[in-house]
Amino acid sequence: MKKLIAVFLASVLFLPLASIHAQSTRSTSAGQASKSAAQYPTKPIRFIISFGPGSASDALARIAGQELTQSLGQPVVVLPKPGADGALSGMELKRATPDGYTFLFGSNSALAVVVGLRKEPPYDPTKDFTPVTYLGDNTFFIVVHPSVPAKSIADLVTYAKANPRAINYPAGNTYALVATGAFATSNGILMHPVPYKSEPDALPDLLSGRVQLLFGTFTSVGAHVKEGKLRVLATTLNERSPLMPDVPAFPETGQPKLPVGPWFGLVGPAGLPREIVVRMNKEMVAVLARPTVKELMLRHGFMAKSSTPEALGAYIKEQVGVWKTALKAAGVEPQ
């Protein structure tokens, strides 16, 4: 009986002490986390991108990174991970430690389309990433090699119908793949997609005439159009672009509105601390609002915008469904 009483007293006396110790440990951990967030960042930050050097993603991430370097006091390093329609960049982020030093400066390819392209997607962008902010919308132009006898979209459709499968087009990003596929389907024409890791990889073949048509970014095609090496037929926007104001918008050519649009967002790995999400959102929103940044990005056809983390999360979820539908309509089956 004395032993039982002793055990009971010990439990009464020491259980509160253990509870107090546990509470103290949790308080210390929370304090350390807050202190770490307040000191953040203390080392370089990585921006993973889905496409190679020289791409629009590369240029835009570097513009934003240079501004963040100034405001955060730490370098922002751009890490290209092209391939697998953006999946490689998303997989790289999924593997990253959620400590605020690795983000994906991602396009719709990695953030929404991968789920619809794979029977067994390597990640779920709605669960495996932490949204930070929307980044903006990109501009694409429809260009052809001079060997194609088309000076308008109507000419292109006529030529493609008269010459089935004579036109090869690069599939260097998911927007180009789906937009070109939707264009072909709606016009009843047959063209052949040629896969490339990234849009810049396709340019030598486009300029040499091995592939003849490209739905491409201004970053890749702008200079070649001005030099007469490529002929521009339209922009995929619903209104004309200030970069090429004489070029008609897609609806002006008599074509139906394309089912998807090219966009970018900034995300971190799942489990990213809220304090870091708030800090990076604040910094990126400020960067994207600067007139100099807007102007620099617009030179690449990019219209900078921002959002709350919650708004980006909701948009990614919506876009996963939108792209699944668009892929199916374009005849792109999951592999």
Protein backbone atom coordinates (compact mmCIF):
# COMPACT_ATOMS: atom_id res chain seq x y z
CA MET A 1 0.00 0.00 0.00
CA LYS A 2 2.85 2.39 0.89
CA LYS A 3 4.38 1.74 -2.56
CA LEU A 4 1.10 2.55 -4.29
CA ILE A 5 0.79 5.78 -2.31
CA ALA A 6 4.37 6.68 -3.21
CA VAL A 7 3.72 6.10 -6.91
CA PHE A 8 0.52 8.17 -6.75
CA LEU A 9 2.28 11.06 -5.00
CA ALA A 10 5.11 10.94 -7.53
CA SER A 11 2.66 11.16 -10.40
CA VAL A 12 0.84 14.08 -8.78
CA LEU A 13 4.06 15.92 -7.97
CA PHE A 14 6.00 15.34 -11.22
CA LEU A 15 3.26 15.33 -13.88
CA PRO A 16 2.73 19.10 -13.62
CA LEU A 17 6.48 19.60 -13.81
CA ALA A 18 6.62 17.48 -16.97
CA SER A 19 3.70 19.46 -18.43
CA ILE A 20 5.41 22.74 -17.59
CA HIS A 21 8.62 21.48 -19.21
CA ALA A 22 6.72 20.48 -22.38
CA GLN A 23 5.01 23.89 -22.53
CA SER A 24 8.37 25.57 -22.01
CA THR A 25 9.89 23.53 -24.85
CA ARG A 26 7.03 24.47 -27.19
CA SER A 27 7.37 28.13 -26.23
CA THR A 28 11.11 28.00 -26.86
CA SER A 29 10.58 26.35 -30.28
CA ALA A 30 7.97 28.95 -31.21
CA GLY A 31 10.29 31.69 -30.07
CA GLN A 32 13.14 30.27 -32.13
CA ALA A 33 10.87 30.00 -35.18
CA SER A 34 9.78 33.62 -34.78
CA LYS A 35 13.37 34.73 -34.31
CA SER A 36 14.44 32.73 -37.39
CA ALA A 37 11.64 34.29 -39.45
CA ALA A 38 12.62 37.75 -38.26
CA GLN A 39 16.24 37.16 -39.33
CA TYR A 40 15.22 35.58 -42.67
CA PRO A 41 16.94 35.32 -45.06
CA THR A 42 20.47 34.51 -43.94
CA LYS A 43 21.69 32.79 -47.12
CA PRO A 44 21.01 32.80 -50.90
CA ILE A 45 17.53 31.96 -52.16
CA ARG A 46 16.91 29.68 -55.17
CA PHE A 47 14.28 30.36 -57.83
CA ILE A 48 13.67 27.17 -59.80
CA ILE A 49 12.33 27.73 -63.33
CA SER A 50 10.75 25.22 -65.71
CA PHE A 51 12.57 26.26 -68.88
CA GLY A 52 16.14 26.77 -70.02
CA PRO A 53 18.49 29.76 -70.19
CA GLY A 54 17.29 32.42 -72.61
CA SER A 55 13.62 31.57 -72.07
CA ALA A 56 10.99 34.07 -70.90
CA SER A 57 10.96 32.27 -67.53
CA ASP A 58 14.70 32.83 -67.20
CA ALA A 59 14.49 36.54 -68.06
CA LEU A 60 11.52 37.22 -65.76
CA ALA A 61 12.96 35.30 -62.80
CA ARG A 62 16.22 37.23 -63.11
CA ILE A 63 14.43 40.59 -63.20
CA ALA A 64 12.49 39.72 -60.05
CA GLY A 65 15.54 38.12 -58.43
CA GLN A 66 17.72 41.19 -58.89
CA GLU A 67 15.09 43.35 -57.20
CA LEU A 68 14.66 40.89 -54.34
CA THR A 69 18.41 40.75 -53.83
CA GLN A 70 18.31 44.47 -53.12
CA SER A 71 15.39 44.30 -50.68
CA LEU A 72 16.27 41.05 -48.90
CA GLY A 73 20.03 41.54 -48.72
CA GLN A 74 20.74 38.03 -50.03
CA PRO A 75 21.37 36.82 -53.61
CA VAL A 76 18.55 35.18 -55.53
CA VAL A 77 19.92 32.42 -57.76
CA VAL A 78 17.95 31.21 -60.80
CA LEU A 79 18.07 27.43 -61.29
CA PRO A 80 16.77 26.13 -64.66
CA LYS A 81 15.21 22.66 -64.54
CA PRO A 82 13.75 22.17 -68.03
CA GLY A 83 12.11 19.00 -69.25
CA ALA A 84 9.07 16.74 -68.90
CA ASP A 85 6.66 19.61 -69.66
CA GLY A 86 7.60 21.41 -66.45
CA ALA A 87 7.42 18.33 -64.22
CA LEU A 88 11.17 18.28 -63.46
CA SER A 89 11.02 21.74 -61.92
CA GLY A 90 8.01 20.80 -59.80
CA MET A 91 9.69 17.62 -58.62
CA GLU A 92 12.77 19.63 -57.65
CA LEU A 93 10.60 21.89 -55.50
CA LYS A 94 8.73 19.00 -53.93
CA ARG A 95 12.05 17.54 -52.73
CA ALA A 96 13.21 20.86 -51.27
CA THR A 97 13.29 21.61 -47.55
CA PRO A 98 10.48 24.05 -46.63
CA ASP A 99 12.83 26.57 -45.04
CA GLY A 100 12.22 29.56 -47.32
CA TYR A 101 15.32 29.15 -49.46
CA THR A 102 13.81 27.34 -52.45
CA PHE A 103 10.86 28.54 -54.54
CA LEU A 104 9.41 27.71 -57.94
CA PHE A 105 9.04 30.72 -60.22
CA GLY A 106 6.63 28.62 -62.20
CA SER A 107 4.39 28.85 -65.22
CA ASN A 108 1.09 27.10 -65.82
CA SER A 109 3.14 24.13 -67.10
CA ALA A 110 4.46 23.10 -63.70
CA LEU A 111 1.67 24.58 -61.61
CA ALA A 112 -1.42 23.22 -63.37
CA VAL A 113 -0.81 21.22 -66.55
CA VAL A 114 1.38 18.34 -65.34
CA VAL A 115 -1.58 16.74 -63.56
CA GLY A 116 -3.44 16.42 -66.87
CA LEU A 117 -0.45 15.17 -68.84
CA ARG A 118 0.42 12.20 -66.65
CA LYS A 119 -1.61 9.13 -65.72
CA GLU A 120 0.43 9.11 -62.52
CA PRO A 121 1.47 12.73 -61.85
CA PRO A 122 4.74 13.08 -59.88
CA TYR A 123 3.14 15.66 -57.59
CA ASP A 124 -0.12 17.44 -56.79
CA PRO A 125 0.31 21.22 -57.13
CA THR A 126 -2.67 21.82 -54.84
CA LYS A 127 -1.14 19.81 -52.00
CA ASP A 128 2.64 19.61 -52.52
CA PHE A 129 3.25 23.35 -52.91
CA THR A 130 2.66 26.41 -50.74
CA PRO A 131 1.23 29.35 -52.73
CA VAL A 132 2.96 32.73 -52.29
CA THR A 133 1.70 35.11 -55.02
CA TYR A 134 0.44 35.29 -58.57
CA LEU A 135 3.12 36.80 -60.81
CA GLY A 136 1.37 37.77 -64.04
CA ASP A 137 0.38 36.81 -67.58
CA ASN A 138 2.56 36.22 -70.61
CA THR A 139 2.17 37.19 -74.28
CA PHE A 140 2.54 34.73 -77.15
CA PHE A 141 2.79 35.42 -80.88
CA ILE A 142 2.06 33.09 -83.78
CA VAL A 143 5.00 33.10 -86.16
CA VAL A 144 5.96 31.10 -89.25
CA HIS A 145 9.15 30.45 -91.15
CA PRO A 146 9.30 32.53 -94.38
CA SER A 147 9.04 29.31 -96.41
CA VAL A 148 5.39 29.08 -95.36
CA PRO A 149 3.32 31.09 -97.89
CA ALA A 150 1.07 32.69 -95.29
CA LYS A 151 0.75 36.33 -94.35
CA SER A 152 -2.34 35.93 -92.20
CA ILE A 153 -4.06 33.31 -90.04
CA ALA A 154 -6.55 32.74 -92.85
CA ASP A 155 -3.67 32.06 -95.25
CA LEU A 156 -2.16 29.64 -92.75
CA VAL A 157 -5.39 27.68 -92.42
CA THR A 158 -5.80 27.52 -96.21
CA TYR A 159 -2.21 26.31 -96.69
CA ALA A 160 -2.44 23.74 -93.90
CA LYS A 161 -5.68 22.31 -95.27
CA ALA A 162 -4.17 21.99 -98.74
CA ASN A 163 -1.02 20.42 -97.33
CA PRO A 164 -1.92 18.04 -94.46
CA ARG A 165 0.95 17.38 -92.02
CA ALA A 166 3.29 19.63 -94.02
CA ILE A 167 3.68 21.92 -91.02
CA ASN A 168 5.74 20.83 -88.03
CA TYR A 169 5.50 22.88 -84.85
CA PRO A 170 7.63 22.82 -81.69
CA ALA A 171 6.01 21.79 -78.42
CA GLY A 172 8.48 23.50 -76.10
CA ASN A 173 5.96 24.39 -73.41
CA THR A 174 2.47 23.27 -72.52
CA TYR A 175 0.77 26.47 -73.59
CA ALA A 176 2.21 26.19 -77.11
CA LEU A 177 1.26 22.51 -77.21
CA VAL A 178 -2.36 23.06 -76.19
CA ALA A 179 -2.93 26.37 -78.00
CA THR A 180 -1.56 25.02 -81.29
CA GLY A 181 -3.51 21.81 -80.85
CA ALA A 182 -6.73 23.73 -80.15
CA PHE A 183 -6.10 25.93 -83.21
CA ALA A 184 -5.60 22.86 -85.42
CA THR A 185 -8.68 21.09 -84.05
CA SER A 186 -11.01 24.09 -84.42
CA ASN A 187 -9.88 24.59 -88.03
CA GLY A 188 -9.85 20.93 -89.04
CA ILE A 189 -6.18 20.91 -90.03
CA LEU A 190 -3.44 18.35 -89.43
CA MET A 191 -0.05 19.49 -88.15
CA HIS A 192 2.74 17.54 -86.49
CA PRO A 193 4.05 18.45 -82.98
CA VAL A 194 7.77 18.04 -82.32
CA PRO A 195 8.78 17.87 -78.63
CA TYR A 196 11.52 20.11 -77.21
CA LYS A 197 12.64 20.62 -73.62
CA SER A 198 12.26 24.37 -73.84
CA GLU A 199 11.27 27.04 -76.35
CA PRO A 200 14.84 28.34 -76.94
CA ASP A 201 15.88 24.78 -77.87
CA ALA A 202 13.46 24.90 -80.80
CA LEU A 203 14.61 28.22 -82.26
CA PRO A 204 17.53 26.90 -84.38
CA ASP A 205 15.17 24.44 -86.07
CA LEU A 206 12.52 27.12 -86.57
CA LEU A 207 15.01 29.56 -88.08
CA SER A 208 16.35 26.86 -90.41
CA GLY A 209 12.87 25.78 -91.49
CA ARG A 210 12.97 22.26 -90.02
CA VAL A 211 9.87 23.28 -88.06
CA GLN A 212 7.67 25.93 -89.62
CA LEU A 213 5.21 27.28 -87.04
CA LEU A 214 5.54 28.47 -83.45
CA PHE A 215 3.24 29.86 -80.81
CA GLY A 216 6.10 31.62 -79.02
CA THR A 217 6.97 34.27 -76.46
CA PHE A 218 8.21 37.69 -77.45
CA THR A 219 11.47 36.90 -75.63
CA SER A 220 12.18 34.16 -78.17
CA VAL A 221 10.71 35.53 -81.41
CA GLY A 222 10.68 39.33 -81.15
CA ALA A 223 14.16 40.04 -82.48
CA HIS A 224 13.86 37.47 -85.27
CA VAL A 225 10.58 39.01 -86.45
CA LYS A 226 12.18 42.47 -86.59
CA GLU A 227 15.09 41.04 -88.59
CA GLY A 228 12.71 39.38 -91.07
CA LYS A 229 13.82 35.86 -90.17
CA LEU A 230 10.30 34.98 -88.99
CA ARG A 231 6.88 36.27 -90.05
CA VAL A 232 4.33 37.13 -87.35
CA LEU A 233 0.66 36.46 -88.06
CA ALA A 234 -1.12 37.29 -84.79
CA THR A 235 -0.87 37.45 -81.01
CA THR A 236 -2.80 34.91 -78.98
CA LEU A 237 -4.05 37.72 -76.72
CA ASN A 238 -7.65 38.91 -76.92
CA GLU A 239 -6.36 42.41 -77.69
CA ARG A 240 -3.32 43.75 -79.52
CA SER A 241 0.02 43.85 -77.76
CA PRO A 242 1.88 47.16 -77.36
CA LEU A 243 5.02 45.25 -78.32
CA MET A 244 3.66 44.75 -81.86
CA PRO A 245 0.65 47.05 -82.18
CA ASP A 246 0.24 46.37 -85.91
CA VAL A 247 -0.21 42.64 -85.34
CA PRO A 248 -3.85 41.52 -84.98
CA ALA A 249 -5.17 39.88 -81.84
CA PHE A 250 -6.40 36.32 -82.22
CA PRO A 251 -10.15 37.19 -82.17
CA GLU A 252 -9.57 39.78 -84.93
CA THR A 253 -8.52 36.97 -87.25
CA GLY A 254 -11.92 35.30 -87.00
CA GLN A 255 -10.67 32.57 -84.67
CA PRO A 256 -12.45 31.44 -81.48
CA LYS A 257 -10.95 32.43 -78.15
CA LEU A 258 -8.26 30.01 -77.02
CA PRO A 259 -9.33 27.90 -74.02
CA VAL A 260 -6.25 28.63 -71.89
CA GLY A 261 -3.75 31.39 -71.19
CA PRO A 262 -0.08 31.49 -70.13
CA TRP A 263 0.52 32.65 -66.53
CA PHE A 264 3.07 32.48 -63.71
CA GLY A 265 2.98 32.06 -59.95
CA LEU A 266 5.47 31.83 -57.09
CA VAL A 267 5.20 28.80 -54.79
CA GLY A 268 7.28 27.13 -52.11
CA PRO A 269 7.37 23.52 -50.89
CA ALA A 270 4.54 22.16 -48.76
CA GLY A 271 4.92 23.05 -45.10
CA LEU A 272 6.53 26.45 -45.68
CA PRO A 273 6.18 28.46 -42.41
CA ARG A 274 3.45 31.08 -42.51
CA GLU A 275 5.84 33.82 -41.43
CA ILE A 276 8.01 33.20 -44.49
CA VAL A 277 4.99 33.02 -46.81
CA VAL A 278 3.84 36.41 -45.52
CA ARG A 279 7.32 37.91 -45.85
CA MET A 280 7.90 36.67 -49.40
CA ASN A 281 4.41 37.69 -50.47
CA LYS A 282 5.02 41.21 -49.13
CA GLU A 283 8.39 41.49 -50.86
CA MET A 284 7.21 40.10 -54.22
CA VAL A 285 4.05 42.24 -54.27
CA ALA A 286 6.25 45.30 -53.72
CA VAL A 287 8.66 44.23 -56.47
CA LEU A 288 5.91 43.60 -59.03
CA ALA A 289 4.34 47.01 -58.29
CA ARG A 290 7.50 48.95 -59.15
CA PRO A 291 7.16 50.84 -62.47
CA THR A 292 10.71 49.91 -63.50
CA VAL A 293 10.00 46.21 -62.97
CA LYS A 294 6.69 46.40 -64.83
CA GLU A 295 8.47 48.08 -67.76
CA LEU A 296 11.31 45.56 -67.83
CA MET A 297 8.90 42.63 -67.73
CA LEU A 298 6.63 44.16 -70.35
CA ARG A 299 9.59 44.22 -72.75
CA HIS A 300 9.33 40.43 -72.61
CA GLY A 301 5.58 40.54 -73.14
CA PHE A 302 4.87 39.86 -69.47
CA MET A 303 2.14 41.77 -67.62
CA ALA A 304 3.10 41.72 -63.95
CA LYS A 305 0.33 41.20 -61.38
CA SER A 306 0.21 39.94 -57.80
CA SER A 307 -2.19 38.32 -55.35
CA THR A 308 -2.62 36.95 -51.86
CA PRO A 309 -1.34 33.40 -51.22
CA GLU A 310 -4.93 32.26 -50.81
CA ALA A 311 -6.00 33.70 -54.17
CA LEU A 312 -3.13 31.93 -55.95
CA GLY A 313 -4.01 28.65 -54.23
CA ALA A 314 -7.62 28.90 -55.42
CA TYR A 315 -6.50 29.82 -58.94
CA ILE A 316 -4.13 26.84 -59.19
CA LYS A 317 -6.94 24.51 -58.13
CA GLU A 318 -9.25 26.02 -60.77
CA GLN A 319 -6.61 25.92 -63.49
CA VAL A 320 -5.85 22.23 -62.94
CA GLY A 321 -9.42 21.52 -64.04
CA VAL A 322 -9.33 24.05 -66.90
CA TRP A 323 -6.16 22.55 -68.35
CA LYS A 324 -7.43 18.96 -68.04
CA THR A 325 -10.43 19.95 -70.15
CA ALA A 326 -8.27 21.86 -72.67
CA LEU A 327 -5.81 19.00 -73.04
CA LYS A 328 -8.63 16.56 -73.75
CA ALA A 329 -10.21 18.94 -76.30
CA ALA A 330 -6.82 19.33 -78.04
CA GLY A 331 -6.46 15.56 -78.31
CA VAL A 332 -3.60 15.33 -75.81
CA GLU A 333 -3.92 12.11 -73.84
CA PRO A 334 -2.24 11.48 -70.45
CA GLN A 335 0.91 9.39 -70.79
